[in-house]
Amino acid sequence: MEKTNHLSDNLRAYQYTQGKSLAELSLEFGIARSTIQSVMADGNTTLDTLIRIACAMHCSLDELVFGGRPAKQMDGIHSFMGRLEWFAGLPAEKQEKFMFHLLEMLKLLEHDE
């Protein structure tokens, strides 16, 4: 079974859900802004860059490149969470942690099917 590269979609979804600019992602990932732009454009990069991004996003390389949630699903989850008044009132750091754990729980549910 051939896997499809979803790296650029996953990065765009991450950027959107985190509400971060390319400059902020650059700082978070520890890589140049131009590199992030390039990866988002074509989904290709070096192993070193992939490892840096995966570590910053707290996911595996496989999840980062081939798995994860398509951008539309991520957008839907973020939109839903944004409508919850209590979630919107959380500091950004707690929102990020909550979203991370929610996505991890969804992954566990997918494996049970």
PDB file of N, CA and C in Angstrom:
ATOM      1  N   MET A   1       0.839  -1.179   0.000  1.00  0.00           N
ATOM      2  CA  MET A   1       0.000   0.000   0.000  1.00  0.00           C
ATOM      3  C   MET A   1       0.888   1.248   0.000  1.00  0.00           C
ATOM      4  N   GLU A   2       0.640   2.104  -0.928  1.00  0.00           N
ATOM      5  CA  GLU A   2       1.427   3.329  -1.052  1.00  0.00           C
ATOM      6  C   GLU A   2       0.852   4.408  -0.144  1.00  0.00           C
ATOM      7  N   LYS A   3       1.735   5.089   0.576  1.00  0.00           N
ATOM      8  CA  LYS A   3       1.319   6.168   1.463  1.00  0.00           C
ATOM      9  C   LYS A   3       1.401   7.490   0.712  1.00  0.00           C
ATOM     10  N   THR A   4       0.535   8.405   1.069  1.00  0.00           N
ATOM     11  CA  THR A   4       0.500   9.721   0.447  1.00  0.00           C
ATOM     12  C   THR A   4       1.119  10.749   1.386  1.00  0.00           C
ATOM     13  N   ASN A   5       1.932  11.631   0.818  1.00  0.00           N
ATOM     14  CA  ASN A   5       2.591  12.678   1.584  1.00  0.00           C
ATOM     15  C   ASN A   5       1.586  13.784   1.912  1.00  0.00           C
ATOM     16  N   HIS A   6       1.282  13.928   3.204  1.00  0.00           N
ATOM     17  CA  HIS A   6       0.357  14.968   3.680  1.00  0.00           C
ATOM     18  C   HIS A   6       1.090  16.046   4.472  1.00  0.00           C
ATOM     19  N   LEU A   7       2.412  16.101   4.336  1.00  0.00           N
ATOM     20  CA  LEU A   7       3.216  17.015   5.141  1.00  0.00           C
ATOM     21  C   LEU A   7       2.747  18.462   5.017  1.00  0.00           C
ATOM     22  N   SER A   8       2.595  18.950   3.808  1.00  0.00           N
ATOM     23  CA  SER A   8       2.213  20.356   3.648  1.00  0.00           C
ATOM     24  C   SER A   8       0.818  20.615   4.233  1.00  0.00           C
ATOM     25  N   ASP A   9      -0.126  19.690   4.024  1.00  0.00           N
ATOM     26  CA  ASP A   9      -1.471  19.848   4.600  1.00  0.00           C
ATOM     27  C   ASP A   9      -1.414  19.843   6.122  1.00  0.00           C
ATOM     28  N   ASN A  10      -0.618  18.924   6.685  1.00  0.00           N
ATOM     29  CA  ASN A  10      -0.514  18.836   8.136  1.00  0.00           C
ATOM     30  C   ASN A  10       0.125  20.084   8.734  1.00  0.00           C
ATOM     31  N   LEU A  11       1.108  20.646   8.054  1.00  0.00           N
ATOM     32  CA  LEU A  11       1.732  21.879   8.550  1.00  0.00           C
ATOM     33  C   LEU A  11       0.770  23.064   8.480  1.00  0.00           C
ATOM     34  N   ARG A  12       0.045  23.162   7.381  1.00  0.00           N
ATOM     35  CA  ARG A  12      -0.924  24.256   7.261  1.00  0.00           C
ATOM     36  C   ARG A  12      -2.015  24.124   8.328  1.00  0.00           C
ATOM     37  N   ALA A  13      -2.473  22.893   8.576  1.00  0.00           N
ATOM     38  CA  ALA A  13      -3.490  22.666   9.604  1.00  0.00           C
ATOM     39  C   ALA A  13      -2.949  23.029  10.982  1.00  0.00           C
ATOM     40  N   TYR A  14      -1.712  22.646  11.245  1.00  0.00           N
ATOM     41  CA  TYR A  14      -1.089  22.975  12.530  1.00  0.00           C
ATOM     42  C   TYR A  14      -0.977  24.488  12.682  1.00  0.00           C
ATOM     43  N   GLN A  15      -0.522  25.152  11.640  1.00  0.00           N
ATOM     44  CA  GLN A  15      -0.386  26.609  11.691  1.00  0.00           C
ATOM     45  C   GLN A  15      -1.741  27.253  11.972  1.00  0.00           C
ATOM     46  N   TYR A  16      -2.764  26.777  11.286  1.00  0.00           N
ATOM     47  CA  TYR A  16      -4.101  27.350  11.460  1.00  0.00           C
ATOM     48  C   TYR A  16      -4.628  27.117  12.868  1.00  0.00           C
ATOM     49  N   THR A  17      -4.527  25.871  13.345  1.00  0.00           N
ATOM     50  CA  THR A  17      -5.088  25.557  14.659  1.00  0.00           C
ATOM     51  C   THR A  17      -4.338  26.265  15.780  1.00  0.00           C
ATOM     52  N   GLN A  18      -3.068  26.526  15.575  1.00  0.00           N
ATOM     53  CA  GLN A  18      -2.279  27.223  16.582  1.00  0.00           C
ATOM     54  C   GLN A  18      -2.384  28.731  16.445  1.00  0.00           C
ATOM     55  N   GLY A  19      -2.907  29.179  15.299  1.00  0.00           N
ATOM     56  CA  GLY A  19      -3.036  30.618  15.059  1.00  0.00           C
ATOM     57  C   GLY A  19      -1.699  31.324  15.002  1.00  0.00           C
ATOM     58  N   LYS A  20      -0.712  30.657  14.399  1.00  0.00           N
ATOM     59  CA  LYS A  20       0.642  31.200  14.373  1.00  0.00           C
ATOM     60  C   LYS A  20       1.047  31.656  12.975  1.00  0.00           C
ATOM     61  N   SER A  21       1.891  32.661  12.935  1.00  0.00           N
ATOM     62  CA  SER A  21       2.459  33.130  11.675  1.00  0.00           C
ATOM     63  C   SER A  21       3.622  32.227  11.291  1.00  0.00           C
ATOM     64  N   LEU A  22       4.120  32.394  10.075  1.00  0.00           N
ATOM     65  CA  LEU A  22       5.297  31.634   9.655  1.00  0.00           C
ATOM     66  C   LEU A  22       6.502  31.974  10.525  1.00  0.00           C
ATOM     67  N   ALA A  23       6.614  33.222  10.914  1.00  0.00           N
ATOM     68  CA  ALA A  23       7.728  33.636  11.776  1.00  0.00           C
ATOM     69  C   ALA A  23       7.648  32.933  13.130  1.00  0.00           C
ATOM     70  N   GLU A  24       6.442  32.806  13.666  1.00  0.00           N
ATOM     71  CA  GLU A  24       6.275  32.118  14.952  1.00  0.00           C
ATOM     72  C   GLU A  24       6.589  30.624  14.818  1.00  0.00           C
ATOM     73  N   LEU A  25       6.155  30.018  13.709  1.00  0.00           N
ATOM     74  CA  LEU A  25       6.485  28.606  13.476  1.00  0.00           C
ATOM     75  C   LEU A  25       7.990  28.432  13.336  1.00  0.00           C
ATOM     76  N   SER A  26       8.628  29.365  12.671  1.00  0.00           N
ATOM     77  CA  SER A  26      10.072  29.316  12.494  1.00  0.00           C
ATOM     78  C   SER A  26      10.787  29.270  13.847  1.00  0.00           C
ATOM     79  N   LEU A  27      10.351  30.111  14.759  1.00  0.00           N
ATOM     80  CA  LEU A  27      10.940  30.115  16.104  1.00  0.00           C
ATOM     81  C   LEU A  27      10.636  28.818  16.847  1.00  0.00           C
ATOM     82  N   GLU A  28       9.393  28.371  16.750  1.00  0.00           N
ATOM     83  CA  GLU A  28       8.984  27.149  17.448  1.00  0.00           C
ATOM     84  C   GLU A  28       9.737  25.925  16.941  1.00  0.00           C
ATOM     85  N   PHE A  29       9.899  25.831  15.618  1.00  0.00           N
ATOM     86  CA  PHE A  29      10.541  24.664  15.016  1.00  0.00           C
ATOM     87  C   PHE A  29      12.065  24.776  14.997  1.00  0.00           C
ATOM     88  N   GLY A  30      12.581  25.992  15.135  1.00  0.00           N
ATOM     89  CA  GLY A  30      14.018  26.197  15.069  1.00  0.00           C
ATOM     90  C   GLY A  30      14.579  26.051  13.667  1.00  0.00           C
ATOM     91  N   ILE A  31      13.769  26.446  12.677  1.00  0.00           N
ATOM     92  CA  ILE A  31      14.209  26.396  11.276  1.00  0.00           C
ATOM     93  C   ILE A  31      13.835  27.701  10.588  1.00  0.00           C
ATOM     94  N   ALA A  32      14.474  27.960   9.482  1.00  0.00           N
ATOM     95  CA  ALA A  32      14.253  29.214   8.754  1.00  0.00           C
ATOM     96  C   ALA A  32      12.828  29.315   8.219  1.00  0.00           C
ATOM     97  N   ARG A  33      12.301  30.536   8.225  1.00  0.00           N
ATOM     98  CA  ARG A  33      10.959  30.797   7.698  1.00  0.00           C
ATOM     99  C   ARG A  33      10.852  30.357   6.236  1.00  0.00           C
ATOM    100  N   SER A  34      11.889  30.625   5.457  1.00  0.00           N
ATOM    101  CA  SER A  34      11.869  30.246   4.038  1.00  0.00           C
ATOM    102  C   SER A  34      11.785  28.729   3.872  1.00  0.00           C
ATOM    103  N   THR A  35      12.383  27.995   4.802  1.00  0.00           N
ATOM    104  CA  THR A  35      12.313  26.529   4.748  1.00  0.00           C
ATOM    105  C   THR A  35      10.880  26.069   5.003  1.00  0.00           C
ATOM    106  N   ILE A  36      10.229  26.677   5.983  1.00  0.00           N
ATOM    107  CA  ILE A  36       8.834  26.326   6.277  1.00  0.00           C
ATOM    108  C   ILE A  36       7.951  26.618   5.068  1.00  0.00           C
ATOM    109  N   GLN A  37       8.153  27.771   4.446  1.00  0.00           N
ATOM    110  CA  GLN A  37       7.376  28.124   3.258  1.00  0.00           C
ATOM    111  C   GLN A  37       7.573  27.082   2.162  1.00  0.00           C
ATOM    112  N   SER A  38       8.797  26.671   1.963  1.00  0.00           N
ATOM    113  CA  SER A  38       9.108  25.677   0.933  1.00  0.00           C
ATOM    114  C   SER A  38       8.437  24.339   1.231  1.00  0.00           C
ATOM    115  N   VAL A  39       8.510  23.909   2.479  1.00  0.00           N
ATOM    116  CA  VAL A  39       7.901  22.635   2.872  1.00  0.00           C
ATOM    117  C   VAL A  39       6.394  22.699   2.699  1.00  0.00           C
ATOM    118  N   MET A  40       5.793  23.817   3.063  1.00  0.00           N
ATOM    119  CA  MET A  40       4.343  23.973   2.912  1.00  0.00           C
ATOM    120  C   MET A  40       3.937  23.998   1.435  1.00  0.00           C
ATOM    121  N   ALA A  41       4.832  24.465   0.587  1.00  0.00           N
ATOM    122  CA  ALA A  41       4.518  24.555  -0.841  1.00  0.00           C
ATOM    123  C   ALA A  41       4.554  23.196  -1.531  1.00  0.00           C
ATOM    124  N   ASP A  42       5.579  22.387  -1.226  1.00  0.00           N
ATOM    125  CA  ASP A  42       5.710  21.139  -1.978  1.00  0.00           C
ATOM    126  C   ASP A  42       5.771  19.861  -1.142  1.00  0.00           C
ATOM    127  N   GLY A  43       5.836  19.991   0.177  1.00  0.00           N
ATOM    128  CA  GLY A  43       5.846  18.812   1.038  1.00  0.00           C
ATOM    129  C   GLY A  43       7.147  18.039   1.038  1.00  0.00           C
ATOM    130  N   ASN A  44       8.216  18.657   0.556  1.00  0.00           N
ATOM    131  CA  ASN A  44       9.520  17.993   0.531  1.00  0.00           C
ATOM    132  C   ASN A  44      10.516  18.760   1.383  1.00  0.00           C
ATOM    133  N   THR A  45      11.368  18.002   2.092  1.00  0.00           N
ATOM    134  CA  THR A  45      12.403  18.630   2.908  1.00  0.00           C
ATOM    135  C   THR A  45      13.412  17.578   3.341  1.00  0.00           C
ATOM    136  N   THR A  46      14.365  17.992   4.150  1.00  0.00           N
ATOM    137  CA  THR A  46      15.397  17.070   4.628  1.00  0.00           C
ATOM    138  C   THR A  46      14.904  16.329   5.871  1.00  0.00           C
ATOM    139  N   LEU A  47      15.565  15.237   6.183  1.00  0.00           N
ATOM    140  CA  LEU A  47      15.227  14.473   7.376  1.00  0.00           C
ATOM    141  C   LEU A  47      15.444  15.313   8.633  1.00  0.00           C
ATOM    142  N   ASP A  48      16.507  16.098   8.664  1.00  0.00           N
ATOM    143  CA  ASP A  48      16.772  16.960   9.817  1.00  0.00           C
ATOM    144  C   ASP A  48      15.613  17.911  10.065  1.00  0.00           C
ATOM    145  N   THR A  49      15.112  18.522   9.014  1.00  0.00           N
ATOM    146  CA  THR A  49      13.989  19.455   9.145  1.00  0.00           C
ATOM    147  C   THR A  49      12.745  18.717   9.621  1.00  0.00           C
ATOM    148  N   LEU A  50      12.486  17.537   9.071  1.00  0.00           N
ATOM    149  CA  LEU A  50      11.328  16.744   9.497  1.00  0.00           C
ATOM    150  C   LEU A  50      11.405  16.415  10.984  1.00  0.00           C
ATOM    151  N   ILE A  51      12.577  16.028  11.435  1.00  0.00           N
ATOM    152  CA  ILE A  51      12.752  15.671  12.843  1.00  0.00           C
ATOM    153  C   ILE A  51      12.507  16.882  13.738  1.00  0.00           C
ATOM    154  N   ARG A  52      13.028  18.034  13.344  1.00  0.00           N
ATOM    155  CA  ARG A  52      12.816  19.254  14.142  1.00  0.00           C
ATOM    156  C   ARG A  52      11.325  19.588  14.242  1.00  0.00           C
ATOM    157  N   ILE A  53      10.628  19.494  13.118  1.00  0.00           N
ATOM    158  CA  ILE A  53       9.200  19.813  13.101  1.00  0.00           C
ATOM    159  C   ILE A  53       8.421  18.798  13.937  1.00  0.00           C
ATOM    160  N   ALA A  54       8.694  17.512  13.744  1.00  0.00           N
ATOM    161  CA  ALA A  54       7.984  16.469  14.482  1.00  0.00           C
ATOM    162  C   ALA A  54       8.189  16.618  15.986  1.00  0.00           C
ATOM    163  N   CYS A  55       9.404  16.915  16.395  1.00  0.00           N
ATOM    164  CA  CYS A  55       9.682  17.112  17.828  1.00  0.00           C
ATOM    165  C   CYS A  55       8.894  18.300  18.376  1.00  0.00           C
ATOM    166  N   ALA A  56       8.875  19.392  17.634  1.00  0.00           N
ATOM    167  CA  ALA A  56       8.150  20.586  18.083  1.00  0.00           C
ATOM    168  C   ALA A  56       6.641  20.344  18.132  1.00  0.00           C
ATOM    169  N   MET A  57       6.140  19.510  17.214  1.00  0.00           N
ATOM    170  CA  MET A  57       4.706  19.226  17.160  1.00  0.00           C
ATOM    171  C   MET A  57       4.314  18.031  18.029  1.00  0.00           C
ATOM    172  N   HIS A  58       5.296  17.398  18.652  1.00  0.00           N
ATOM    173  CA  HIS A  58       5.048  16.237  19.520  1.00  0.00           C
ATOM    174  C   HIS A  58       4.341  15.107  18.774  1.00  0.00           C
ATOM    175  N   CYS A  59       4.875  14.771  17.603  1.00  0.00           N
ATOM    176  CA  CYS A  59       4.304  13.669  16.831  1.00  0.00           C
ATOM    177  C   CYS A  59       5.432  12.867  16.181  1.00  0.00           C
ATOM    178  N   SER A  60       5.084  11.713  15.662  1.00  0.00           N
ATOM    179  CA  SER A  60       6.080  10.882  14.989  1.00  0.00           C
ATOM    180  C   SER A  60       6.283  11.384  13.559  1.00  0.00           C
ATOM    181  N   LEU A  61       7.371  10.959  12.942  1.00  0.00           N
ATOM    182  CA  LEU A  61       7.616  11.319  11.547  1.00  0.00           C
ATOM    183  C   LEU A  61       6.515  10.756  10.656  1.00  0.00           C
ATOM    184  N   ASP A  62       6.086   9.536  10.944  1.00  0.00           N
ATOM    185  CA  ASP A  62       5.029   8.912  10.147  1.00  0.00           C
ATOM    186  C   ASP A  62       3.737   9.721  10.227  1.00  0.00           C
ATOM    187  N   GLU A  63       3.370  10.144  11.437  1.00  0.00           N
ATOM    188  CA  GLU A  63       2.163  10.959  11.598  1.00  0.00           C
ATOM    189  C   GLU A  63       2.303  12.287  10.872  1.00  0.00           C
ATOM    190  N   LEU A  64       3.479  12.887  10.984  1.00  0.00           N
ATOM    191  CA  LEU A  64       3.711  14.194  10.377  1.00  0.00           C
ATOM    192  C   LEU A  64       3.590  14.147   8.861  1.00  0.00           C
ATOM    193  N   VAL A  65       4.199  13.137   8.257  1.00  0.00           N
ATOM    194  CA  VAL A  65       4.239  13.079   6.790  1.00  0.00           C
ATOM    195  C   VAL A  65       3.033  12.347   6.198  1.00  0.00           C
ATOM    196  N   PHE A  66       2.701  11.194   6.750  1.00  0.00           N
ATOM    197  CA  PHE A  66       1.690  10.345   6.115  1.00  0.00           C
ATOM    198  C   PHE A  66       0.357  10.299   6.835  1.00  0.00           C
ATOM    199  N   GLY A  67       0.359  10.615   8.100  1.00  0.00           N
ATOM    200  CA  GLY A  67      -0.863  10.429   8.873  1.00  0.00           C
ATOM    201  C   GLY A  67      -1.476  11.725   9.298  1.00  0.00           C
ATOM    202  N   GLY A  68      -1.955  11.687  10.523  1.00  0.00           N
ATOM    203  CA  GLY A  68      -2.585  12.875  11.063  1.00  0.00           C
ATOM    204  C   GLY A  68      -3.946  13.118  10.464  1.00  0.00           C
ATOM    205  N   ARG A  69      -4.433  14.254  10.707  1.00  0.00           N
ATOM    206  CA  ARG A  69      -5.757  14.626  10.232  1.00  0.00           C
ATOM    207  C   ARG A  69      -5.624  15.569   9.044  1.00  0.00           C
ATOM    208  N   PRO A  70      -6.394  15.329   8.024  1.00  0.00           N
ATOM    209  CA  PRO A  70      -6.384  16.291   6.915  1.00  0.00           C
ATOM    210  C   PRO A  70      -6.767  17.683   7.415  1.00  0.00           C
ATOM    211  N   ALA A  71      -6.320  18.670   6.699  1.00  0.00           N
ATOM    212  CA  ALA A  71      -6.531  20.064   7.112  1.00  0.00           C
ATOM    213  C   ALA A  71      -8.001  20.373   7.379  1.00  0.00           C
ATOM    214  N   LYS A  72      -8.914  19.847   6.583  1.00  0.00           N
ATOM    215  CA  LYS A  72     -10.336  20.137   6.777  1.00  0.00           C
ATOM    216  C   LYS A  72     -10.826  19.595   8.115  1.00  0.00           C
ATOM    217  N   GLN A  73     -10.379  18.397   8.506  1.00  0.00           N
ATOM    218  CA  GLN A  73     -10.779  17.850   9.799  1.00  0.00           C
ATOM    219  C   GLN A  73     -10.209  18.694  10.925  1.00  0.00           C
ATOM    220  N   MET A  74      -8.956  19.093  10.800  1.00  0.00           N
ATOM    221  CA  MET A  74      -8.330  19.930  11.824  1.00  0.00           C
ATOM    222  C   MET A  74      -9.073  21.255  11.937  1.00  0.00           C
ATOM    223  N   ASP A  75      -9.445  21.828  10.797  1.00  0.00           N
ATOM    224  CA  ASP A  75     -10.188  23.078  10.813  1.00  0.00           C
ATOM    225  C   ASP A  75     -11.517  22.904  11.543  1.00  0.00           C
ATOM    226  N   GLY A  76     -12.185  21.789  11.283  1.00  0.00           N
ATOM    227  CA  GLY A  76     -13.465  21.516  11.926  1.00  0.00           C
ATOM    228  C   GLY A  76     -13.332  21.363  13.422  1.00  0.00           C
ATOM    229  N   ILE A  77     -12.311  20.652  13.860  1.00  0.00           N
ATOM    230  CA  ILE A  77     -12.077  20.469  15.291  1.00  0.00           C
ATOM    231  C   ILE A  77     -11.774  21.817  15.943  1.00  0.00           C
ATOM    232  N   HIS A  78     -10.911  22.599  15.303  1.00  0.00           N
ATOM    233  CA  HIS A  78     -10.568  23.904  15.869  1.00  0.00           C
ATOM    234  C   HIS A  78     -11.783  24.818  15.913  1.00  0.00           C
ATOM    235  N   SER A  79     -12.585  24.800  14.866  1.00  0.00           N
ATOM    236  CA  SER A  79     -13.779  25.628  14.816  1.00  0.00           C
ATOM    237  C   SER A  79     -14.742  25.251  15.941  1.00  0.00           C
ATOM    238  N   PHE A  80     -14.943  23.947  16.132  1.00  0.00           N
ATOM    239  CA  PHE A  80     -15.819  23.462  17.190  1.00  0.00           C
ATOM    240  C   PHE A  80     -15.307  23.909  18.556  1.00  0.00           C
ATOM    241  N   MET A  81     -14.009  23.722  18.792  1.00  0.00           N
ATOM    242  CA  MET A  81     -13.438  24.080  20.079  1.00  0.00           C
ATOM    243  C   MET A  81     -13.525  25.589  20.316  1.00  0.00           C
ATOM    244  N   GLY A  82     -13.375  26.378  19.264  1.00  0.00           N
ATOM    245  CA  GLY A  82     -13.455  27.825  19.397  1.00  0.00           C
ATOM    246  C   GLY A  82     -14.834  28.307  19.811  1.00  0.00           C
ATOM    247  N   ARG A  83     -15.850  27.502  19.523  1.00  0.00           N
ATOM    248  CA  ARG A  83     -17.210  27.869  19.883  1.00  0.00           C
ATOM    249  C   ARG A  83     -17.536  27.582  21.351  1.00  0.00           C
ATOM    250  N   LEU A  84     -16.725  26.768  21.964  1.00  0.00           N
ATOM    251  CA  LEU A  84     -16.944  26.475  23.378  1.00  0.00           C
ATOM    252  C   LEU A  84     -16.398  27.619  24.221  1.00  0.00           C
ATOM    253  N   GLU A  85     -17.264  28.247  24.947  1.00  0.00           N
ATOM    254  CA  GLU A  85     -16.890  29.437  25.702  1.00  0.00           C
ATOM    255  C   GLU A  85     -15.743  29.176  26.678  1.00  0.00           C
ATOM    256  N   TRP A  86     -15.785  28.057  27.368  1.00  0.00           N
ATOM    257  CA  TRP A  86     -14.738  27.755  28.345  1.00  0.00           C
ATOM    258  C   TRP A  86     -13.393  27.542  27.669  1.00  0.00           C
ATOM    259  N   PHE A  87     -13.401  26.942  26.467  1.00  0.00           N
ATOM    260  CA  PHE A  87     -12.150  26.716  25.749  1.00  0.00           C
ATOM    261  C   PHE A  87     -11.555  28.047  25.305  1.00  0.00           C
ATOM    262  N   ALA A  88     -12.413  28.924  24.799  1.00  0.00           N
ATOM    263  CA  ALA A  88     -11.954  30.228  24.319  1.00  0.00           C
ATOM    264  C   ALA A  88     -11.359  31.054  25.458  1.00  0.00           C
ATOM    265  N   GLY A  89     -11.798  30.801  26.696  1.00  0.00           N
ATOM    266  CA  GLY A  89     -11.295  31.552  27.836  1.00  0.00           C
ATOM    267  C   GLY A  89      -9.971  31.046  28.386  1.00  0.00           C
ATOM    268  N   LEU A  90      -9.519  29.892  27.899  1.00  0.00           N
ATOM    269  CA  LEU A  90      -8.245  29.351  28.363  1.00  0.00           C
ATOM    270  C   LEU A  90      -7.076  30.126  27.766  1.00  0.00           C
ATOM    271  N   PRO A  91      -5.971  30.213  28.493  1.00  0.00           N
ATOM    272  CA  PRO A  91      -4.763  30.803  27.905  1.00  0.00           C
ATOM    273  C   PRO A  91      -4.307  29.951  26.713  1.00  0.00           C
ATOM    274  N   ALA A  92      -3.602  30.553  25.781  1.00  0.00           N
ATOM    275  CA  ALA A  92      -3.176  29.872  24.554  1.00  0.00           C
ATOM    276  C   ALA A  92      -2.408  28.585  24.846  1.00  0.00           C
ATOM    277  N   GLU A  93      -1.558  28.601  25.866  1.00  0.00           N
ATOM    278  CA  GLU A  93      -0.769  27.409  26.203  1.00  0.00           C
ATOM    279  C   GLU A  93      -1.670  26.249  26.623  1.00  0.00           C
ATOM    280  N   LYS A  94      -2.703  26.539  27.408  1.00  0.00           N
ATOM    281  CA  LYS A  94      -3.626  25.481  27.837  1.00  0.00           C
ATOM    282  C   LYS A  94      -4.497  25.009  26.669  1.00  0.00           C
ATOM    283  N   GLN A  95      -4.871  25.920  25.779  1.00  0.00           N
ATOM    284  CA  GLN A  95      -5.621  25.518  24.585  1.00  0.00           C
ATOM    285  C   GLN A  95      -4.795  24.543  23.758  1.00  0.00           C
ATOM    286  N   GLU A  96      -3.516  24.858  23.588  1.00  0.00           N
ATOM    287  CA  GLU A  96      -2.618  23.994  22.814  1.00  0.00           C
ATOM    288  C   GLU A  96      -2.510  22.611  23.450  1.00  0.00           C
ATOM    289  N   LYS A  97      -2.332  22.565  24.761  1.00  0.00           N
ATOM    290  CA  LYS A  97      -2.231  21.284  25.458  1.00  0.00           C
ATOM    291  C   LYS A  97      -3.527  20.492  25.344  1.00  0.00           C
ATOM    292  N   PHE A  98      -4.657  21.174  25.508  1.00  0.00           N
ATOM    293  CA  PHE A  98      -5.949  20.502  25.405  1.00  0.00           C
ATOM    294  C   PHE A  98      -6.130  19.901  24.018  1.00  0.00           C
ATOM    295  N   MET A  99      -5.826  20.693  22.979  1.00  0.00           N
ATOM    296  CA  MET A  99      -5.966  20.206  21.599  1.00  0.00           C
ATOM    297  C   MET A  99      -5.057  19.009  21.356  1.00  0.00           C
ATOM    298  N   PHE A 100      -3.842  19.050  21.865  1.00  0.00           N
ATOM    299  CA  PHE A 100      -2.918  17.936  21.707  1.00  0.00           C
ATOM    300  C   PHE A 100      -3.511  16.670  22.303  1.00  0.00           C
ATOM    301  N   HIS A 101      -4.015  16.766  23.529  1.00  0.00           N
ATOM    302  CA  HIS A 101      -4.566  15.590  24.193  1.00  0.00           C
ATOM    303  C   HIS A 101      -5.856  15.112  23.530  1.00  0.00           C
ATOM    304  N   LEU A 102      -6.677  16.025  23.075  1.00  0.00           N
ATOM    305  CA  LEU A 102      -7.896  15.643  22.364  1.00  0.00           C
ATOM    306  C   LEU A 102      -7.555  14.864  21.098  1.00  0.00           C
ATOM    307  N   LEU A 103      -6.593  15.338  20.343  1.00  0.00           N
ATOM    308  CA  LEU A 103      -6.190  14.642  19.122  1.00  0.00           C
ATOM    309  C   LEU A 103      -5.590  13.278  19.430  1.00  0.00           C
ATOM    310  N   GLU A 104      -4.845  13.171  20.519  1.00  0.00           N
ATOM    311  CA  GLU A 104      -4.290  11.874  20.923  1.00  0.00           C
ATOM    312  C   GLU A 104      -5.413  10.897  21.275  1.00  0.00           C
ATOM    313  N   MET A 105      -6.456  11.378  21.949  1.00  0.00           N
ATOM    314  CA  MET A 105      -7.590  10.508  22.271  1.00  0.00           C
ATOM    315  C   MET A 105      -8.312  10.059  21.007  1.00  0.00           C
ATOM    316  N   LEU A 106      -8.465  10.953  20.052  1.00  0.00           N
ATOM    317  CA  LEU A 106      -9.104  10.590  18.791  1.00  0.00           C
ATOM    318  C   LEU A 106      -8.292   9.528  18.042  1.00  0.00           C
ATOM    319  N   LYS A 107      -6.976   9.631  18.105  1.00  0.00           N
ATOM    320  CA  LYS A 107      -6.117   8.631  17.485  1.00  0.00           C
ATOM    321  C   LYS A 107      -6.331   7.256  18.122  1.00  0.00           C
ATOM    322  N   LEU A 108      -6.445   7.240  19.455  1.00  0.00           N
ATOM    323  CA  LEU A 108      -6.690   5.978  20.148  1.00  0.00           C
ATOM    324  C   LEU A 108      -8.013   5.364  19.724  1.00  0.00           C
ATOM    325  N   LEU A 109      -9.024   6.188  19.570  1.00  0.00           N
ATOM    326  CA  LEU A 109     -10.337   5.692  19.142  1.00  0.00           C
ATOM    327  C   LEU A 109     -10.279   5.121  17.724  1.00  0.00           C
ATOM    328  N   GLU A 110      -9.504   5.759  16.852  1.00  0.00           N
ATOM    329  CA  GLU A 110      -9.357   5.267  15.476  1.00  0.00           C
ATOM    330  C   GLU A 110      -8.721   3.885  15.439  1.00  0.00           C
ATOM    331  N   HIS A 111      -7.780   3.641  16.350  1.00  0.00           N
ATOM    332  CA  HIS A 111      -7.093   2.342  16.374  1.00  0.00           C
ATOM    333  C   HIS A 111      -7.989   1.229  16.892  1.00  0.00           C
ATOM    334  N   ASP A 112      -9.047   1.585  17.632  1.00  0.00           N
ATOM    335  CA  ASP A 112      -9.957   0.582  18.159  1.00  0.00           C
ATOM    336  C   ASP A 112     -10.969   0.117  17.125  1.00  0.00           C
ATOM    337  N   GLU A 113     -11.128   0.869  16.060  1.00  0.00           N
ATOM    338  CA  GLU A 113     -12.157   0.531  15.048  1.00  0.00           C
ATOM    339  C   GLU A 113     -11.749  -0.648  14.218  1.00  0.00           C
TER     340      GLU A 113
END
